[in-house]
PDB file of all heavy atoms in Angstrom:
ATOM      1  N   GLY A   1       0.792  -1.219   0.003  1.00  0.00           N
ATOM      2  CA  GLY A   1      -0.006   0.005   0.002  1.00  0.00           C
ATOM      3  C   GLY A   1       0.822   1.263   0.004  1.00  0.00           C
ATOM      4  O   GLY A   1       0.315   2.333   0.363  1.00  0.00           O
ATOM      5  N   LEU A   2       2.089   1.195  -0.411  1.00  0.00           N
ATOM      6  CA  LEU A   2       2.954   2.362  -0.448  1.00  0.00           C
ATOM      7  C   LEU A   2       3.095   2.871  -1.888  1.00  0.00           C
ATOM      8  O   LEU A   2       3.149   2.074  -2.825  1.00  0.00           O
ATOM      9  CB  LEU A   2       4.334   2.023   0.128  1.00  0.00           C
ATOM     10  CG  LEU A   2       4.325   1.525   1.590  1.00  0.00           C
ATOM     11  CD1 LEU A   2       5.715   1.061   2.000  1.00  0.00           C
ATOM     12  CD2 LEU A   2       3.822   2.622   2.523  1.00  0.00           C
ATOM     13  N   VAL A   3       3.177   4.164  -2.022  1.00  0.00           N
ATOM     14  CA  VAL A   3       3.266   4.783  -3.354  1.00  0.00           C
ATOM     15  C   VAL A   3       4.724   4.837  -3.799  1.00  0.00           C
ATOM     16  O   VAL A   3       5.607   5.214  -3.033  1.00  0.00           O
ATOM     17  CB  VAL A   3       2.688   6.221  -3.318  1.00  0.00           C
ATOM     18  CG1 VAL A   3       2.935   6.938  -4.641  1.00  0.00           C
ATOM     19  CG2 VAL A   3       1.195   6.164  -3.033  1.00  0.00           C
ATOM     20  N   VAL A   4       4.966   4.461  -5.044  1.00  0.00           N
ATOM     21  CA  VAL A   4       6.295   4.567  -5.637  1.00  0.00           C
ATOM     22  C   VAL A   4       6.331   5.850  -6.476  1.00  0.00           C
ATOM     23  O   VAL A   4       5.588   5.994  -7.451  1.00  0.00           O
ATOM     24  CB  VAL A   4       6.624   3.354  -6.524  1.00  0.00           C
ATOM     25  CG1 VAL A   4       7.989   3.501  -7.173  1.00  0.00           C
ATOM     26  CG2 VAL A   4       6.548   2.065  -5.712  1.00  0.00           C
ATOM     27  N   ASP A   5       7.196   6.782  -6.077  1.00  0.00           N
ATOM     28  CA  ASP A   5       7.277   8.055  -6.794  1.00  0.00           C
ATOM     29  C   ASP A   5       8.265   8.002  -7.957  1.00  0.00           C
ATOM     30  O   ASP A   5       8.076   8.681  -8.951  1.00  0.00           O
ATOM     31  CB  ASP A   5       7.704   9.165  -5.832  1.00  0.00           C
ATOM     32  CG  ASP A   5       6.698   9.389  -4.730  1.00  0.00           C
ATOM     33  OD1 ASP A   5       5.522   9.654  -5.051  1.00  0.00           O
ATOM     34  OD2 ASP A   5       7.067   9.284  -3.539  1.00  0.00           O
ATOM     35  N   LEU A   6       9.304   7.197  -7.807  1.00  0.00           N
ATOM     36  CA  LEU A   6      10.373   7.173  -8.803  1.00  0.00           C
ATOM     37  C   LEU A   6      10.851   5.744  -9.036  1.00  0.00           C
ATOM     38  O   LEU A   6      10.944   4.953  -8.090  1.00  0.00           O
ATOM     39  CB  LEU A   6      11.559   8.011  -8.353  1.00  0.00           C
ATOM     40  CG  LEU A   6      11.394   9.523  -8.261  1.00  0.00           C
ATOM     41  CD1 LEU A   6      12.605  10.142  -7.583  1.00  0.00           C
ATOM     42  CD2 LEU A   6      11.173  10.117  -9.627  1.00  0.00           C
ATOM     43  N   GLU A   7      11.142   5.450 -10.305  1.00  0.00           N
ATOM     44  CA  GLU A   7      11.777   4.179 -10.657  1.00  0.00           C
ATOM     45  C   GLU A   7      12.660   4.445 -11.878  1.00  0.00           C
ATOM     46  O   GLU A   7      12.165   4.962 -12.874  1.00  0.00           O
ATOM     47  CB  GLU A   7      10.719   3.118 -10.981  1.00  0.00           C
ATOM     48  CG  GLU A   7      11.316   1.752 -11.282  1.00  0.00           C
ATOM     49  CD  GLU A   7      10.252   0.730 -11.665  1.00  0.00           C
ATOM     50  OE1 GLU A   7       9.291   0.553 -10.880  1.00  0.00           O
ATOM     51  OE2 GLU A   7      10.357   0.136 -12.753  1.00  0.00           O
ATOM     52  N   PRO A   8      13.943   4.134 -11.823  1.00  0.00           N
ATOM     53  CA  PRO A   8      14.826   4.463 -12.944  1.00  0.00           C
ATOM     54  C   PRO A   8      14.581   3.559 -14.148  1.00  0.00           C
ATOM     55  O   PRO A   8      13.965   2.491 -14.044  1.00  0.00           O
ATOM     56  CB  PRO A   8      16.232   4.225 -12.362  1.00  0.00           C
ATOM     57  CG  PRO A   8      16.019   3.174 -11.327  1.00  0.00           C
ATOM     58  CD  PRO A   8      14.655   3.453 -10.723  1.00  0.00           C
ATOM     59  N   GLU A   9      15.075   4.006 -15.285  1.00  0.00           N
ATOM     60  CA  GLU A   9      14.940   3.210 -16.509  1.00  0.00           C
ATOM     61  C   GLU A   9      15.701   1.898 -16.410  1.00  0.00           C
ATOM     62  O   GLU A   9      15.253   0.870 -16.904  1.00  0.00           O
ATOM     63  CB  GLU A   9      15.454   4.028 -17.702  1.00  0.00           C
ATOM     64  CG  GLU A   9      15.293   3.329 -19.042  1.00  0.00           C
ATOM     65  CD  GLU A   9      15.798   4.175 -20.181  1.00  0.00           C
ATOM     66  OE1 GLU A   9      16.280   5.302 -19.930  1.00  0.00           O
ATOM     67  OE2 GLU A   9      15.705   3.712 -21.348  1.00  0.00           O
ATOM     68  N   HIS A  10      16.859   1.938 -15.739  1.00  0.00           N
ATOM     69  CA  HIS A  10      17.667   0.724 -15.552  1.00  0.00           C
ATOM     70  C   HIS A  10      17.773   0.446 -14.061  1.00  0.00           C
ATOM     71  O   HIS A  10      18.067   1.361 -13.262  1.00  0.00           O
ATOM     72  CB  HIS A  10      19.059   0.924 -16.136  1.00  0.00           C
ATOM     73  CG  HIS A  10      19.061   1.290 -17.591  1.00  0.00           C
ATOM     74  ND1 HIS A  10      18.696   0.389 -18.578  1.00  0.00           N
ATOM     75  CD2 HIS A  10      19.328   2.454 -18.234  1.00  0.00           C
ATOM     76  CE1 HIS A  10      18.771   0.968 -19.753  1.00  0.00           C
ATOM     77  NE2 HIS A  10      19.131   2.230 -19.574  1.00  0.00           N
ATOM     78  N   PRO A  11      17.587  -0.815 -13.628  1.00  0.00           N
ATOM     79  CA  PRO A  11      17.564  -1.136 -12.186  1.00  0.00           C
ATOM     80  C   PRO A  11      18.963  -1.254 -11.587  1.00  0.00           C
ATOM     81  O   PRO A  11      19.418  -2.323 -11.198  1.00  0.00           O
ATOM     82  CB  PRO A  11      16.824  -2.479 -12.165  1.00  0.00           C
ATOM     83  CG  PRO A  11      17.156  -3.121 -13.463  1.00  0.00           C
ATOM     84  CD  PRO A  11      17.248  -1.998 -14.451  1.00  0.00           C
ATOM     85  N   LYS A  12      19.657  -0.137 -11.536  1.00  0.00           N
ATOM     86  CA  LYS A  12      21.007  -0.072 -10.963  1.00  0.00           C
ATOM     87  C   LYS A  12      21.060   1.079  -9.979  1.00  0.00           C
ATOM     88  O   LYS A  12      20.373   2.087 -10.132  1.00  0.00           O
ATOM     89  CB  LYS A  12      22.050   0.132 -12.060  1.00  0.00           C
ATOM     90  CG  LYS A  12      22.037  -0.928 -13.165  1.00  0.00           C
ATOM     91  CD  LYS A  12      22.557  -2.251 -12.647  1.00  0.00           C
ATOM     92  CE  LYS A  12      22.644  -3.294 -13.761  1.00  0.00           C
ATOM     93  NZ  LYS A  12      21.330  -3.740 -14.240  1.00  0.00           N
ATOM     94  N   MET A  13      21.931   0.942  -8.953  1.00  0.00           N
ATOM     95  CA  MET A  13      21.983   1.966  -7.909  1.00  0.00           C
ATOM     96  C   MET A  13      22.335   3.329  -8.493  1.00  0.00           C
ATOM     97  O   MET A  13      21.770   4.358  -8.089  1.00  0.00           O
ATOM     98  CB  MET A  13      22.995   1.564  -6.832  1.00  0.00           C
ATOM     99  CG  MET A  13      22.553   0.408  -5.967  1.00  0.00           C
ATOM    100  SD  MET A  13      23.433   0.261  -4.394  1.00  0.00           S
ATOM    101  CE  MET A  13      25.109   0.671  -4.828  1.00  0.00           C
ATOM    102  N   GLY A  14      23.301   3.373  -9.404  1.00  0.00           N
ATOM    103  CA  GLY A  14      23.692   4.661  -9.979  1.00  0.00           C
ATOM    104  C   GLY A  14      22.553   5.344 -10.692  1.00  0.00           C
ATOM    105  O   GLY A  14      22.336   6.551 -10.544  1.00  0.00           O
ATOM    106  N   TYR A  15      21.805   4.579 -11.488  1.00  0.00           N
ATOM    107  CA  TYR A  15      20.651   5.154 -12.197  1.00  0.00           C
ATOM    108  C   TYR A  15      19.582   5.592 -11.204  1.00  0.00           C
ATOM    109  O   TYR A  15      18.908   6.605 -11.408  1.00  0.00           O
ATOM    110  CB  TYR A  15      20.054   4.130 -13.177  1.00  0.00           C
ATOM    111  CG  TYR A  15      20.891   3.945 -14.424  1.00  0.00           C
ATOM    112  CD1 TYR A  15      21.705   2.821 -14.575  1.00  0.00           C
ATOM    113  CD2 TYR A  15      20.847   4.861 -15.460  1.00  0.00           C
ATOM    114  CE1 TYR A  15      22.462   2.627 -15.717  1.00  0.00           C
ATOM    115  CE2 TYR A  15      21.601   4.677 -16.615  1.00  0.00           C
ATOM    116  CZ  TYR A  15      22.401   3.563 -16.747  1.00  0.00           C
ATOM    117  OH  TYR A  15      23.155   3.391 -17.874  1.00  0.00           O
ATOM    118  N   LEU A  16      19.402   4.825 -10.141  1.00  0.00           N
ATOM    119  CA  LEU A  16      18.415   5.172  -9.128  1.00  0.00           C
ATOM    120  C   LEU A  16      18.739   6.539  -8.509  1.00  0.00           C
ATOM    121  O   LEU A  16      17.852   7.407  -8.408  1.00  0.00           O
ATOM    122  CB  LEU A  16      18.382   4.108  -8.043  1.00  0.00           C
ATOM    123  CG  LEU A  16      17.502   4.375  -6.814  1.00  0.00           C
ATOM    124  CD1 LEU A  16      16.041   4.435  -7.219  1.00  0.00           C
ATOM    125  CD2 LEU A  16      17.721   3.296  -5.752  1.00  0.00           C
ATOM    126  N   VAL A  17      19.992   6.738  -8.140  1.00  0.00           N
ATOM    127  CA  VAL A  17      20.380   7.998  -7.502  1.00  0.00           C
ATOM    128  C   VAL A  17      20.283   9.166  -8.496  1.00  0.00           C
ATOM    129  O   VAL A  17      19.804  10.253  -8.151  1.00  0.00           O
ATOM    130  CB  VAL A  17      21.790   7.887  -6.909  1.00  0.00           C
ATOM    131  CG1 VAL A  17      22.267   9.236  -6.385  1.00  0.00           C
ATOM    132  CG2 VAL A  17      21.803   6.857  -5.772  1.00  0.00           C
ATOM    133  N   LEU A  18      20.714   8.950  -9.734  1.00  0.00           N
ATOM    134  CA  LEU A  18      20.656  10.030 -10.731  1.00  0.00           C
ATOM    135  C   LEU A  18      19.201  10.404 -11.045  1.00  0.00           C
ATOM    136  O   LEU A  18      18.877  11.587 -11.198  1.00  0.00           O
ATOM    137  CB  LEU A  18      21.378   9.601 -11.994  1.00  0.00           C
ATOM    138  CG  LEU A  18      22.906   9.554 -11.926  1.00  0.00           C
ATOM    139  CD1 LEU A  18      23.479   8.963 -13.193  1.00  0.00           C
ATOM    140  CD2 LEU A  18      23.467  10.954 -11.679  1.00  0.00           C
ATOM    141  N   THR A  19      18.334   9.403 -11.163  1.00  0.00           N
ATOM    142  CA  THR A  19      16.926   9.692 -11.410  1.00  0.00           C
ATOM    143  C   THR A  19      16.314  10.474 -10.253  1.00  0.00           C
ATOM    144  O   THR A  19      15.573  11.446 -10.449  1.00  0.00           O
ATOM    145  CB  THR A  19      16.136   8.391 -11.634  1.00  0.00           C
ATOM    146  OG1 THR A  19      16.689   7.699 -12.752  1.00  0.00           O
ATOM    147  CG2 THR A  19      14.663   8.663 -11.898  1.00  0.00           C
ATOM    148  N   ALA A  20      16.661  10.065  -9.035  1.00  0.00           N
ATOM    149  CA  ALA A  20      16.168  10.776  -7.857  1.00  0.00           C
ATOM    150  C   ALA A  20      16.683  12.221  -7.850  1.00  0.00           C
ATOM    151  O   ALA A  20      15.946  13.157  -7.494  1.00  0.00           O
ATOM    152  CB  ALA A  20      16.593  10.060  -6.583  1.00  0.00           C
ATOM    153  N   ALA A  21      17.924  12.397  -8.257  1.00  0.00           N
ATOM    154  CA  ALA A  21      18.493  13.756  -8.278  1.00  0.00           C
ATOM    155  C   ALA A  21      17.735  14.673  -9.219  1.00  0.00           C
ATOM    156  O   ALA A  21      17.604  15.868  -8.959  1.00  0.00           O
ATOM    157  CB  ALA A  21      19.980  13.688  -8.659  1.00  0.00           C
ATOM    158  N   ARG A  22      17.216  14.113 -10.322  1.00  0.00           N
ATOM    159  CA  ARG A  22      16.495  14.951 -11.294  1.00  0.00           C
ATOM    160  C   ARG A  22      15.097  15.320 -10.825  1.00  0.00           C
ATOM    161  O   ARG A  22      14.540  16.317 -11.281  1.00  0.00           O
ATOM    162  CB  ARG A  22      16.426  14.232 -12.645  1.00  0.00           C
ATOM    163  CG  ARG A  22      17.735  14.248 -13.417  1.00  0.00           C
ATOM    164  CD  ARG A  22      17.556  13.773 -14.832  1.00  0.00           C
ATOM    165  NE  ARG A  22      17.278  12.350 -14.907  1.00  0.00           N
ATOM    166  CZ  ARG A  22      18.222  11.406 -15.039  1.00  0.00           C
ATOM    167  NH1 ARG A  22      19.492  11.757 -15.049  1.00  0.00           N
ATOM    168  NH2 ARG A  22      17.889  10.139 -15.115  1.00  0.00           N
ATOM    169  N   HIS A  23      14.517  14.522  -9.932  1.00  0.00           N
ATOM    170  CA  HIS A  23      13.098  14.711  -9.615  1.00  0.00           C
ATOM    171  C   HIS A  23      12.799  15.023  -8.153  1.00  0.00           C
ATOM    172  O   HIS A  23      11.714  15.515  -7.839  1.00  0.00           O
ATOM    173  CB  HIS A  23      12.308  13.440  -9.993  1.00  0.00           C
ATOM    174  CG  HIS A  23      12.306  13.135 -11.437  1.00  0.00           C
ATOM    175  ND1 HIS A  23      11.363  13.642 -12.315  1.00  0.00           N
ATOM    176  CD2 HIS A  23      13.141  12.376 -12.193  1.00  0.00           C
ATOM    177  CE1 HIS A  23      11.614  13.196 -13.536  1.00  0.00           C
ATOM    178  NE2 HIS A  23      12.680  12.435 -13.490  1.00  0.00           N
ATOM    179  N   ALA A  24      13.725  14.717  -7.240  1.00  0.00           N
ATOM    180  CA  ALA A  24      13.364  14.690  -5.831  1.00  0.00           C
ATOM    181  C   ALA A  24      12.971  16.073  -5.290  1.00  0.00           C
ATOM    182  O   ALA A  24      12.058  16.179  -4.470  1.00  0.00           O
ATOM    183  CB  ALA A  24      14.514  14.110  -5.013  1.00  0.00           C
ATOM    184  N   HIS A  25      13.657  17.128  -5.718  1.00  0.00           N
ATOM    185  CA  HIS A  25      13.340  18.450  -5.170  1.00  0.00           C
ATOM    186  C   HIS A  25      11.897  18.841  -5.454  1.00  0.00           C
ATOM    187  O   HIS A  25      11.173  19.290  -4.554  1.00  0.00           O
ATOM    188  CB  HIS A  25      14.290  19.502  -5.755  1.00  0.00           C
ATOM    189  CG  HIS A  25      15.615  19.555  -5.060  1.00  0.00           C
ATOM    190  ND1 HIS A  25      15.800  20.082  -3.810  1.00  0.00           N
ATOM    191  CD2 HIS A  25      16.845  19.110  -5.465  1.00  0.00           C
ATOM    192  CE1 HIS A  25      17.064  19.988  -3.463  1.00  0.00           C
ATOM    193  NE2 HIS A  25      17.729  19.398  -4.447  1.00  0.00           N
ATOM    194  N   VAL A  26      11.480  18.673  -6.688  1.00  0.00           N
ATOM    195  CA  VAL A  26      10.104  19.067  -7.043  1.00  0.00           C
ATOM    196  C   VAL A  26       9.093  18.134  -6.383  1.00  0.00           C
ATOM    197  O   VAL A  26       8.070  18.583  -5.854  1.00  0.00           O
ATOM    198  CB  VAL A  26       9.936  19.073  -8.572  1.00  0.00           C
ATOM    199  CG1 VAL A  26       8.477  19.264  -8.950  1.00  0.00           C
ATOM    200  CG2 VAL A  26      10.799  20.177  -9.181  1.00  0.00           C
ATOM    201  N   LEU A  27       9.363  16.837  -6.416  1.00  0.00           N
ATOM    202  CA  LEU A  27       8.446  15.885  -5.786  1.00  0.00           C
ATOM    203  C   LEU A  27       8.281  16.162  -4.301  1.00  0.00           C
ATOM    204  O   LEU A  27       7.187  16.056  -3.745  1.00  0.00           O
ATOM    205  CB  LEU A  27       8.946  14.456  -5.993  1.00  0.00           C
ATOM    206  CG  LEU A  27       8.647  13.839  -7.363  1.00  0.00           C
ATOM    207  CD1 LEU A  27       9.384  12.524  -7.497  1.00  0.00           C
ATOM    208  CD2 LEU A  27       7.159  13.632  -7.554  1.00  0.00           C
ATOM    209  N   ARG A  28       9.363  16.515  -3.643  1.00  0.00           N
ATOM    210  CA  ARG A  28       9.295  16.819  -2.213  1.00  0.00           C
ATOM    211  C   ARG A  28       8.379  18.001  -1.983  1.00  0.00           C
ATOM    212  O   ARG A  28       7.541  17.977  -1.070  1.00  0.00           O
ATOM    213  CB  ARG A  28      10.709  17.107  -1.688  1.00  0.00           C
ATOM    214  CG  ARG A  28      10.756  17.580  -0.242  1.00  0.00           C
ATOM    215  CD  ARG A  28      12.193  17.897   0.167  1.00  0.00           C
ATOM    216  NE  ARG A  28      12.234  18.491   1.495  1.00  0.00           N
ATOM    217  CZ  ARG A  28      12.097  19.781   1.739  1.00  0.00           C
ATOM    218  NH1 ARG A  28      11.850  20.619   0.736  1.00  0.00           N
ATOM    219  NH2 ARG A  28      12.159  20.249   2.962  1.00  0.00           N
ATOM    220  N   ARG A  29       8.525  19.052  -2.783  1.00  0.00           N
ATOM    221  CA  ARG A  29       7.640  20.209  -2.620  1.00  0.00           C
ATOM    222  C   ARG A  29       6.179  19.829  -2.800  1.00  0.00           C
ATOM    223  O   ARG A  29       5.295  20.268  -2.055  1.00  0.00           O
ATOM    224  CB  ARG A  29       8.009  21.275  -3.646  1.00  0.00           C
ATOM    225  CG  ARG A  29       9.335  21.947  -3.442  1.00  0.00           C
ATOM    226  CD  ARG A  29       9.538  23.035  -4.477  1.00  0.00           C
ATOM    227  NE  ARG A  29      10.811  23.693  -4.333  1.00  0.00           N
ATOM    228  CZ  ARG A  29      11.090  24.877  -4.866  1.00  0.00           C
ATOM    229  NH1 ARG A  29      10.174  25.499  -5.567  1.00  0.00           N
ATOM    230  NH2 ARG A  29      12.266  25.418  -4.709  1.00  0.00           N
ATOM    231  N   ILE A  30       5.928  19.000  -3.814  1.00  0.00           N
ATOM    232  CA  ILE A  30       4.547  18.631  -4.101  1.00  0.00           C
ATOM    233  C   ILE A  30       3.983  17.762  -2.985  1.00  0.00           C
ATOM    234  O   ILE A  30       2.842  17.943  -2.541  1.00  0.00           O
ATOM    235  CB  ILE A  30       4.483  17.909  -5.458  1.00  0.00           C
ATOM    236  CG1 ILE A  30       4.763  18.929  -6.584  1.00  0.00           C
ATOM    237  CG2 ILE A  30       3.125  17.254  -5.678  1.00  0.00           C
ATOM    238  CD1 ILE A  30       4.942  18.311  -7.941  1.00  0.00           C
ATOM    239  N   LYS A  31       4.769  16.807  -2.509  1.00  0.00           N
ATOM    240  CA  LYS A  31       4.250  15.912  -1.466  1.00  0.00           C
ATOM    241  C   LYS A  31       4.021  16.672  -0.160  1.00  0.00           C
ATOM    242  O   LYS A  31       3.032  16.423   0.534  1.00  0.00           O
ATOM    243  CB  LYS A  31       5.239  14.756  -1.241  1.00  0.00           C
ATOM    244  CG  LYS A  31       5.403  13.881  -2.471  1.00  0.00           C
ATOM    245  CD  LYS A  31       5.969  12.526  -2.141  1.00  0.00           C
ATOM    246  CE  LYS A  31       4.887  11.579  -1.730  1.00  0.00           C
ATOM    247  NZ  LYS A  31       5.290  10.174  -1.672  1.00  0.00           N
ATOM    248  N   ARG A  32       4.894  17.588   0.169  1.00  0.00           N
ATOM    249  CA  ARG A  32       4.698  18.370   1.380  1.00  0.00           C
ATOM    250  C   ARG A  32       3.474  19.281   1.244  1.00  0.00           C
ATOM    251  O   ARG A  32       2.722  19.497   2.186  1.00  0.00           O
ATOM    252  CB  ARG A  32       5.947  19.182   1.694  1.00  0.00           C
ATOM    253  CG  ARG A  32       7.169  18.312   2.016  1.00  0.00           C
ATOM    254  CD  ARG A  32       7.003  17.590   3.341  1.00  0.00           C
ATOM    255  NE  ARG A  32       7.970  16.491   3.488  1.00  0.00           N
ATOM    256  CZ  ARG A  32       9.185  16.608   4.014  1.00  0.00           C
ATOM    257  NH1 ARG A  32       9.611  17.797   4.434  1.00  0.00           N
ATOM    258  NH2 ARG A  32       9.967  15.557   4.153  1.00  0.00           N
ATOM    259  N   ALA A  33       3.286  19.822   0.029  1.00  0.00           N
ATOM    260  CA  ALA A  33       2.116  20.659  -0.207  1.00  0.00           C
ATOM    261  C   ALA A  33       0.829  19.849  -0.049  1.00  0.00           C
ATOM    262  O   ALA A  33      -0.158  20.318   0.528  1.00  0.00           O
ATOM    263  CB  ALA A  33       2.190  21.285  -1.592  1.00  0.00           C
ATOM    264  N   ARG A  34       0.856  18.629  -0.582  1.00  0.00           N
ATOM    265  CA  ARG A  34      -0.335  17.790  -0.507  1.00  0.00           C
ATOM    266  C   ARG A  34      -0.638  17.393   0.928  1.00  0.00           C
ATOM    267  O   ARG A  34      -1.797  17.162   1.279  1.00  0.00           O
ATOM    268  CB  ARG A  34      -0.097  16.545  -1.363  1.00  0.00           C
ATOM    269  CG  ARG A  34      -1.366  15.825  -1.737  1.00  0.00           C
ATOM    270  CD  ARG A  34      -1.101  14.758  -2.781  1.00  0.00           C
ATOM    271  NE  ARG A  34      -2.247  14.590  -3.639  1.00  0.00           N
ATOM    272  CZ  ARG A  34      -2.278  13.805  -4.716  1.00  0.00           C
ATOM    273  NH1 ARG A  34      -1.188  13.136  -5.047  1.00  0.00           N
ATOM    274  NH2 ARG A  34      -3.336  13.700  -5.456  1.00  0.00           N
ATOM    275  N   ALA A  35       0.404  17.296   1.731  1.00  0.00           N
ATOM    276  CA  ALA A  35       0.209  16.885   3.120  1.00  0.00           C
ATOM    277  C   ALA A  35      -0.452  17.955   3.957  1.00  0.00           C
ATOM    278  O   ALA A  35      -1.054  17.667   4.994  1.00  0.00           O
ATOM    279  CB  ALA A  35       1.558  16.514   3.734  1.00  0.00           C
ATOM    280  N   MET A  36      -0.330  19.189   3.535  1.00  0.00           N
ATOM    281  CA  MET A  36      -0.932  20.290   4.298  1.00  0.00           C
ATOM    282  C   MET A  36      -2.452  20.182   4.247  1.00  0.00           C
ATOM    283  O   MET A  36      -3.026  19.741   3.268  1.00  0.00           O
ATOM    284  CB  MET A  36      -0.467  21.634   3.748  1.00  0.00           C
ATOM    285  CG  MET A  36       1.038  21.869   3.891  1.00  0.00           C
ATOM    286  SD  MET A  36       1.561  23.367   3.033  1.00  0.00           S
ATOM    287  CE  MET A  36       0.657  24.580   3.972  1.00  0.00           C
ATOM    288  N   GLN A  37      -3.069  20.606   5.295  1.00  0.00           N
ATOM    289  CA  GLN A  37      -4.528  20.600   5.324  1.00  0.00           C
ATOM    290  C   GLN A  37      -5.054  21.642   4.355  1.00  0.00           C
ATOM    291  O   GLN A  37      -5.013  22.840   4.637  1.00  0.00           O
ATOM    292  CB  GLN A  37      -5.022  20.913   6.750  1.00  0.00           C
ATOM    293  CG  GLN A  37      -4.829  19.793   7.740  1.00  0.00           C
ATOM    294  CD  GLN A  37      -5.666  18.583   7.372  1.00  0.00           C
ATOM    295  OE1 GLN A  37      -6.771  18.710   6.857  1.00  0.00           O
ATOM    296  NE2 GLN A  37      -5.138  17.397   7.634  1.00  0.00           N
ATOM    297  N   GLY A  38      -5.517  21.162   3.190  1.00  0.00           N
ATOM    298  CA  GLY A  38      -5.989  22.088   2.174  1.00  0.00           C
ATOM    299  C   GLY A  38      -4.804  22.799   1.564  1.00  0.00           C
ATOM    300  O   GLY A  38      -4.239  23.711   2.149  1.00  0.00           O
ATOM    301  N   ALA A  39      -4.374  22.356   0.397  1.00  0.00           N
ATOM    302  CA  ALA A  39      -3.222  22.988  -0.258  1.00  0.00           C
ATOM    303  C   ALA A  39      -3.467  24.478  -0.412  1.00  0.00           C
ATOM    304  O   ALA A  39      -4.593  24.904  -0.668  1.00  0.00           O
ATOM    305  CB  ALA A  39      -2.995  22.338  -1.617  1.00  0.00           C
TER     306      ALA A  39
END
């Protein structure tokens, strides 16, 4: 029952970290915004 936000094109640690680096800042902002009572 957990949401997967990111999955790299290739299942390798390096690709995982690079993919996270490209998306994590924006995703974090969006998830924190969604968590607030009434965005």
